[in-house]
Amino acid sequence: MAGGSRPLAACDDRWVEYTARERRDAIRQLAELRRRLAAAEDALTEAHAAAKRAEEAYDAANDGFAAAEAALDAARTERAQAREARYAARQTYQRASTAADRLERRVREASERLDRMT
């Protein structure tokens, strides 16, 4: 015995046992961390693939939206041109109607004057 009430060998055995237990725990913790890392990497890969699919879906929807906006802009332009043509046609009709009314009145007046001459 070395100065104490315990034999030196027993102390060394406990230290070896403690160190071995500590090492086994560390190995288990490392294995668990590696398993969790692998799961996290798998989740990251899946999330990346999902993000890529979502980005592609967004791009397709955005392209469709841009095409719809372009079609709407074209339809608005066409409507504006049709409105201008309608306004011009109404103005032309109004002028023609006024001219026809005046000519009709002049024909009637000339006819009445001719009737008075006879």
N, C-alpha and C. Protein backbone atom coordinates (compact mmCIF):
# COMPACT_ATOMS: atom_id res chain seq x y z
N MET A 1 0.84 -1.17 0.00
CA MET A 1 0.00 0.00 0.00
C MET A 1 0.88 1.22 0.00
N ALA A 2 0.41 2.20 -0.63
CA ALA A 2 1.24 3.39 -0.79
C ALA A 2 0.68 4.50 0.05
N GLY A 3 1.02 4.60 1.23
CA GLY A 3 0.72 5.70 2.12
C GLY A 3 -0.73 5.81 2.52
N GLY A 4 -1.69 5.22 1.84
CA GLY A 4 -3.09 5.36 2.21
C GLY A 4 -3.65 4.03 2.64
N SER A 5 -4.96 4.02 2.84
CA SER A 5 -5.58 2.79 3.28
C SER A 5 -5.95 1.91 2.10
N ARG A 6 -5.83 2.42 0.89
CA ARG A 6 -6.19 1.64 -0.30
C ARG A 6 -4.93 1.15 -0.98
N PRO A 7 -5.08 0.03 -1.58
CA PRO A 7 -3.95 -0.44 -2.37
C PRO A 7 -3.85 0.35 -3.65
N LEU A 8 -2.66 0.57 -4.16
CA LEU A 8 -2.40 1.35 -5.36
C LEU A 8 -3.05 0.70 -6.57
N ALA A 9 -3.08 -0.57 -6.65
CA ALA A 9 -3.65 -1.29 -7.79
C ALA A 9 -5.14 -1.02 -7.91
N ALA A 10 -5.86 -0.97 -6.81
CA ALA A 10 -7.30 -0.70 -6.85
C ALA A 10 -7.56 0.68 -7.38
N CYS A 11 -6.77 1.64 -7.00
CA CYS A 11 -6.91 3.01 -7.48
C CYS A 11 -6.66 3.06 -8.97
N ASP A 12 -5.61 2.39 -9.41
CA ASP A 12 -5.30 2.36 -10.84
C ASP A 12 -6.42 1.67 -11.62
N ASP A 13 -7.01 0.62 -11.06
CA ASP A 13 -8.09 -0.08 -11.73
C ASP A 13 -9.30 0.85 -11.91
N ARG A 14 -9.62 1.63 -10.86
CA ARG A 14 -10.76 2.56 -10.97
C ARG A 14 -10.46 3.63 -12.01
N TRP A 15 -9.25 4.12 -12.04
CA TRP A 15 -8.88 5.15 -13.01
C TRP A 15 -8.98 4.59 -14.42
N VAL A 16 -8.52 3.39 -14.63
CA VAL A 16 -8.59 2.73 -15.94
C VAL A 16 -10.05 2.50 -16.31
N GLU A 17 -10.84 2.05 -15.33
CA GLU A 17 -12.25 1.80 -15.57
C GLU A 17 -12.96 3.12 -15.91
N TYR A 18 -12.69 4.19 -15.16
CA TYR A 18 -13.27 5.51 -15.40
C TYR A 18 -12.88 6.01 -16.79
N THR A 19 -11.61 5.88 -17.14
CA THR A 19 -11.13 6.33 -18.43
C THR A 19 -11.76 5.53 -19.56
N ALA A 20 -11.90 4.23 -19.38
CA ALA A 20 -12.53 3.39 -20.40
C ALA A 20 -14.00 3.78 -20.58
N ARG A 21 -14.71 4.00 -19.47
CA ARG A 21 -16.11 4.41 -19.53
C ARG A 21 -16.24 5.76 -20.23
N GLU A 22 -15.36 6.67 -19.90
CA GLU A 22 -15.35 7.99 -20.52
C GLU A 22 -15.13 7.88 -22.02
N ARG A 23 -14.21 6.99 -22.39
CA ARG A 23 -13.91 6.80 -23.81
C ARG A 23 -15.10 6.18 -24.54
N ARG A 24 -15.76 5.18 -23.93
CA ARG A 24 -16.94 4.57 -24.54
C ARG A 24 -18.05 5.61 -24.72
N ASP A 25 -18.26 6.46 -23.70
CA ASP A 25 -19.26 7.52 -23.80
C ASP A 25 -18.92 8.50 -24.91
N ALA A 26 -17.65 8.84 -25.00
CA ALA A 26 -17.22 9.76 -26.06
C ALA A 26 -17.43 9.14 -27.43
N ILE A 27 -17.16 7.84 -27.55
CA ILE A 27 -17.37 7.15 -28.84
C ILE A 27 -18.85 7.12 -29.17
N ARG A 28 -19.71 6.84 -28.17
CA ARG A 28 -21.17 6.84 -28.40
C ARG A 28 -21.64 8.24 -28.81
N GLN A 29 -21.16 9.26 -28.13
CA GLN A 29 -21.54 10.63 -28.47
C GLN A 29 -21.10 10.98 -29.88
N LEU A 30 -19.90 10.58 -30.25
CA LEU A 30 -19.40 10.85 -31.60
C LEU A 30 -20.25 10.14 -32.64
N ALA A 31 -20.61 8.88 -32.36
CA ALA A 31 -21.47 8.13 -33.29
C ALA A 31 -22.83 8.81 -33.44
N GLU A 32 -23.39 9.26 -32.30
CA GLU A 32 -24.68 9.95 -32.34
C GLU A 32 -24.57 11.26 -33.12
N LEU A 33 -23.50 11.99 -32.89
CA LEU A 33 -23.30 13.24 -33.63
C LEU A 33 -23.16 12.98 -35.12
N ARG A 34 -22.44 11.92 -35.48
CA ARG A 34 -22.29 11.58 -36.90
C ARG A 34 -23.62 11.19 -37.52
N ARG A 35 -24.43 10.43 -36.76
CA ARG A 35 -25.76 10.04 -37.26
C ARG A 35 -26.63 11.28 -37.46
N ARG A 36 -26.61 12.20 -36.50
CA ARG A 36 -27.38 13.43 -36.62
C ARG A 36 -26.88 14.29 -37.76
N LEU A 37 -25.56 14.33 -37.96
CA LEU A 37 -24.99 15.08 -39.08
C LEU A 37 -25.45 14.50 -40.40
N ALA A 38 -25.44 13.18 -40.52
CA ALA A 38 -25.89 12.53 -41.76
C ALA A 38 -27.36 12.86 -42.01
N ALA A 39 -28.18 12.81 -40.97
CA ALA A 39 -29.60 13.14 -41.12
C ALA A 39 -29.77 14.60 -41.52
N ALA A 40 -28.99 15.47 -40.91
CA ALA A 40 -29.07 16.90 -41.25
C ALA A 40 -28.62 17.15 -42.68
N GLU A 41 -27.59 16.43 -43.13
CA GLU A 41 -27.14 16.58 -44.51
C GLU A 41 -28.19 16.08 -45.49
N ASP A 42 -28.86 14.96 -45.14
CA ASP A 42 -29.96 14.46 -45.98
C ASP A 42 -31.09 15.48 -46.04
N ALA A 43 -31.44 16.05 -44.89
CA ALA A 43 -32.50 17.06 -44.86
C ALA A 43 -32.10 18.29 -45.67
N LEU A 44 -30.83 18.66 -45.59
CA LEU A 44 -30.34 19.80 -46.35
C LEU A 44 -30.44 19.52 -47.85
N THR A 45 -30.07 18.32 -48.26
CA THR A 45 -30.16 17.95 -49.68
C THR A 45 -31.61 18.00 -50.15
N GLU A 46 -32.52 17.44 -49.34
CA GLU A 46 -33.94 17.47 -49.70
C GLU A 46 -34.47 18.90 -49.75
N ALA A 47 -34.07 19.71 -48.79
CA ALA A 47 -34.52 21.11 -48.77
C ALA A 47 -33.99 21.87 -49.98
N HIS A 48 -32.76 21.59 -50.36
CA HIS A 48 -32.18 22.25 -51.54
C HIS A 48 -32.94 21.85 -52.79
N ALA A 49 -33.26 20.56 -52.91
CA ALA A 49 -34.02 20.10 -54.07
C ALA A 49 -35.42 20.74 -54.09
N ALA A 50 -36.06 20.83 -52.92
CA ALA A 50 -37.38 21.45 -52.84
C ALA A 50 -37.30 22.94 -53.20
N ALA A 51 -36.25 23.60 -52.74
CA ALA A 51 -36.08 25.02 -53.06
C ALA A 51 -35.88 25.20 -54.56
N LYS A 52 -35.13 24.28 -55.16
CA LYS A 52 -34.89 24.38 -56.60
C LYS A 52 -36.20 24.17 -57.37
N ARG A 53 -37.00 23.19 -56.94
CA ARG A 53 -38.29 22.97 -57.60
C ARG A 53 -39.20 24.18 -57.42
N ALA A 54 -39.19 24.76 -56.23
CA ALA A 54 -40.01 25.94 -55.98
C ALA A 54 -39.55 27.12 -56.84
N GLU A 55 -38.26 27.26 -57.00
CA GLU A 55 -37.72 28.34 -57.83
C GLU A 55 -38.14 28.15 -59.29
N GLU A 56 -38.08 26.90 -59.77
CA GLU A 56 -38.50 26.61 -61.14
C GLU A 56 -40.00 26.87 -61.32
N ALA A 57 -40.80 26.49 -60.33
CA ALA A 57 -42.25 26.74 -60.40
C ALA A 57 -42.52 28.24 -60.40
N TYR A 58 -41.79 28.98 -59.58
CA TYR A 58 -41.96 30.43 -59.54
C TYR A 58 -41.58 31.04 -60.89
N ASP A 59 -40.46 30.60 -61.45
CA ASP A 59 -40.04 31.14 -62.74
C ASP A 59 -41.09 30.88 -63.82
N ALA A 60 -41.66 29.67 -63.82
CA ALA A 60 -42.70 29.35 -64.81
C ALA A 60 -43.93 30.23 -64.59
N ALA A 61 -44.33 30.38 -63.33
CA ALA A 61 -45.50 31.23 -63.04
C ALA A 61 -45.21 32.68 -63.40
N ASN A 62 -44.01 33.12 -63.12
CA ASN A 62 -43.64 34.50 -63.44
C ASN A 62 -43.64 34.72 -64.96
N ASP A 63 -43.15 33.73 -65.70
CA ASP A 63 -43.19 33.84 -67.17
C ASP A 63 -44.63 33.93 -67.67
N GLY A 64 -45.50 33.09 -67.10
CA GLY A 64 -46.92 33.14 -67.48
C GLY A 64 -47.55 34.48 -67.12
N PHE A 65 -47.19 35.00 -65.96
CA PHE A 65 -47.71 36.30 -65.54
C PHE A 65 -47.22 37.40 -66.47
N ALA A 66 -45.94 37.35 -66.84
CA ALA A 66 -45.39 38.36 -67.75
C ALA A 66 -46.10 38.29 -69.11
N ALA A 67 -46.37 37.07 -69.57
CA ALA A 67 -47.09 36.92 -70.85
C ALA A 67 -48.51 37.47 -70.73
N ALA A 68 -49.16 37.22 -69.60
CA ALA A 68 -50.51 37.75 -69.39
C ALA A 68 -50.49 39.27 -69.33
N GLU A 69 -49.48 39.83 -68.67
CA GLU A 69 -49.35 41.29 -68.62
C GLU A 69 -49.16 41.87 -70.02
N ALA A 70 -48.32 41.21 -70.82
CA ALA A 70 -48.08 41.68 -72.18
C ALA A 70 -49.37 41.62 -73.00
N ALA A 71 -50.12 40.52 -72.84
CA ALA A 71 -51.40 40.39 -73.56
C ALA A 71 -52.38 41.47 -73.09
N LEU A 72 -52.40 41.74 -71.80
CA LEU A 72 -53.28 42.78 -71.27
C LEU A 72 -52.88 44.15 -71.80
N ASP A 73 -51.57 44.42 -71.85
CA ASP A 73 -51.11 45.70 -72.41
C ASP A 73 -51.51 45.83 -73.87
N ALA A 74 -51.37 44.73 -74.63
CA ALA A 74 -51.76 44.75 -76.04
C ALA A 74 -53.26 44.98 -76.18
N ALA A 75 -54.05 44.33 -75.33
CA ALA A 75 -55.51 44.50 -75.37
C ALA A 75 -55.89 45.93 -75.02
N ARG A 76 -55.20 46.52 -74.06
CA ARG A 76 -55.49 47.92 -73.70
C ARG A 76 -55.16 48.85 -74.86
N THR A 77 -54.04 48.60 -75.51
CA THR A 77 -53.65 49.42 -76.67
C THR A 77 -54.70 49.29 -77.78
N GLU A 78 -55.12 48.05 -78.03
CA GLU A 78 -56.13 47.80 -79.07
C GLU A 78 -57.45 48.49 -78.70
N ARG A 79 -57.82 48.44 -77.43
CA ARG A 79 -59.05 49.09 -76.98
C ARG A 79 -58.96 50.61 -77.15
N ALA A 80 -57.80 51.17 -76.81
CA ALA A 80 -57.62 52.61 -76.96
C ALA A 80 -57.73 53.02 -78.43
N GLN A 81 -57.12 52.23 -79.31
CA GLN A 81 -57.21 52.53 -80.74
C GLN A 81 -58.65 52.41 -81.23
N ALA A 82 -59.36 51.37 -80.74
CA ALA A 82 -60.76 51.20 -81.14
C ALA A 82 -61.61 52.35 -80.62
N ARG A 83 -61.31 52.82 -79.42
CA ARG A 83 -62.04 53.96 -78.85
C ARG A 83 -61.83 55.20 -79.72
N GLU A 84 -60.60 55.44 -80.12
CA GLU A 84 -60.30 56.59 -80.98
C GLU A 84 -61.01 56.46 -82.32
N ALA A 85 -61.01 55.24 -82.89
CA ALA A 85 -61.69 55.02 -84.17
C ALA A 85 -63.19 55.22 -84.01
N ARG A 86 -63.76 54.76 -82.89
CA ARG A 86 -65.19 54.94 -82.63
C ARG A 86 -65.53 56.42 -82.51
N TYR A 87 -64.69 57.18 -81.81
CA TYR A 87 -64.92 58.60 -81.66
C TYR A 87 -64.86 59.29 -83.02
N ALA A 88 -63.85 58.92 -83.82
CA ALA A 88 -63.73 59.52 -85.15
C ALA A 88 -64.94 59.17 -86.01
N ALA A 89 -65.41 57.92 -85.94
CA ALA A 89 -66.58 57.50 -86.73
C ALA A 89 -67.82 58.25 -86.27
N ARG A 90 -67.99 58.44 -84.97
CA ARG A 90 -69.14 59.19 -84.47
C ARG A 90 -69.08 60.65 -84.94
N GLN A 91 -67.89 61.24 -84.92
CA GLN A 91 -67.74 62.62 -85.39
C GLN A 91 -68.08 62.71 -86.88
N THR A 92 -67.59 61.75 -87.65
CA THR A 92 -67.87 61.73 -89.09
C THR A 92 -69.38 61.57 -89.32
N TYR A 93 -70.02 60.67 -88.58
CA TYR A 93 -71.46 60.48 -88.71
C TYR A 93 -72.21 61.76 -88.36
N GLN A 94 -71.78 62.42 -87.28
CA GLN A 94 -72.44 63.65 -86.85
C GLN A 94 -72.32 64.73 -87.93
N ARG A 95 -71.11 64.86 -88.49
CA ARG A 95 -70.94 65.87 -89.57
C ARG A 95 -71.77 65.51 -90.80
N ALA A 96 -71.80 64.23 -91.16
CA ALA A 96 -72.59 63.81 -92.32
C ALA A 96 -74.08 64.03 -92.06
N SER A 97 -74.52 63.75 -90.85
CA SER A 97 -75.93 63.95 -90.50
C SER A 97 -76.30 65.43 -90.57
N THR A 98 -75.41 66.28 -90.07
CA THR A 98 -75.65 67.72 -90.12
C THR A 98 -75.69 68.20 -91.57
N ALA A 99 -74.75 67.71 -92.38
CA ALA A 99 -74.73 68.10 -93.80
C ALA A 99 -76.00 67.63 -94.50
N ALA A 100 -76.43 66.39 -94.20
CA ALA A 100 -77.65 65.86 -94.83
C ALA A 100 -78.87 66.68 -94.40
N ASP A 101 -78.93 67.04 -93.12
CA ASP A 101 -80.05 67.87 -92.64
C ASP A 101 -80.08 69.22 -93.37
N ARG A 102 -78.94 69.85 -93.52
CA ARG A 102 -78.86 71.15 -94.22
C ARG A 102 -79.28 71.02 -95.68
N LEU A 103 -78.75 69.97 -96.33
CA LEU A 103 -79.12 69.78 -97.74
C LEU A 103 -80.60 69.49 -97.88
N GLU A 104 -81.14 68.69 -96.96
CA GLU A 104 -82.58 68.40 -97.00
C GLU A 104 -83.39 69.68 -96.86
N ARG A 105 -82.98 70.56 -95.94
CA ARG A 105 -83.66 71.84 -95.75
C ARG A 105 -83.53 72.70 -97.01
N ARG A 106 -82.35 72.73 -97.62
CA ARG A 106 -82.16 73.54 -98.84
C ARG A 106 -82.99 73.00 -99.98
N VAL A 107 -83.08 71.66 -100.08
CA VAL A 107 -83.90 71.05 -101.14
C VAL A 107 -85.36 71.43 -100.92
N ARG A 108 -85.81 71.34 -99.69
CA ARG A 108 -87.21 71.69 -99.38
C ARG A 108 -87.47 73.16 -99.71
N GLU A 109 -86.55 74.05 -99.29
CA GLU A 109 -86.72 75.48 -99.56
C GLU A 109 -86.71 75.76 -101.06
N ALA A 110 -85.79 75.11 -101.78
CA ALA A 110 -85.73 75.31 -103.24
C ALA A 110 -87.00 74.79 -103.90
N SER A 111 -87.49 73.69 -103.41
CA SER A 111 -88.72 73.11 -103.96
C SER A 111 -89.90 74.03 -103.70
N GLU A 112 -89.97 74.59 -102.49
CA GLU A 112 -91.05 75.51 -102.16
C GLU A 112 -90.97 76.77 -103.02
N ARG A 113 -89.76 77.27 -103.23
CA ARG A 113 -89.57 78.46 -104.07
C ARG A 113 -90.02 78.17 -105.52
N LEU A 114 -89.67 76.98 -105.97
CA LEU A 114 -90.06 76.59 -107.33
C LEU A 114 -91.58 76.47 -107.42
N ASP A 115 -92.21 75.93 -106.40
CA ASP A 115 -93.66 75.79 -106.39
C ASP A 115 -94.32 77.17 -106.42
N ARG A 116 -93.72 78.15 -105.75
CA ARG A 116 -94.28 79.50 -105.72
C ARG A 116 -94.11 80.18 -107.08
N MET A 117 -93.16 79.79 -107.82
CA MET A 117 -92.93 80.42 -109.13
C MET A 117 -93.94 79.92 -110.16
N THR A 118 -94.55 78.84 -109.92
CA THR A 118 -95.49 78.33 -110.91
C THR A 118 -96.89 78.77 -110.70
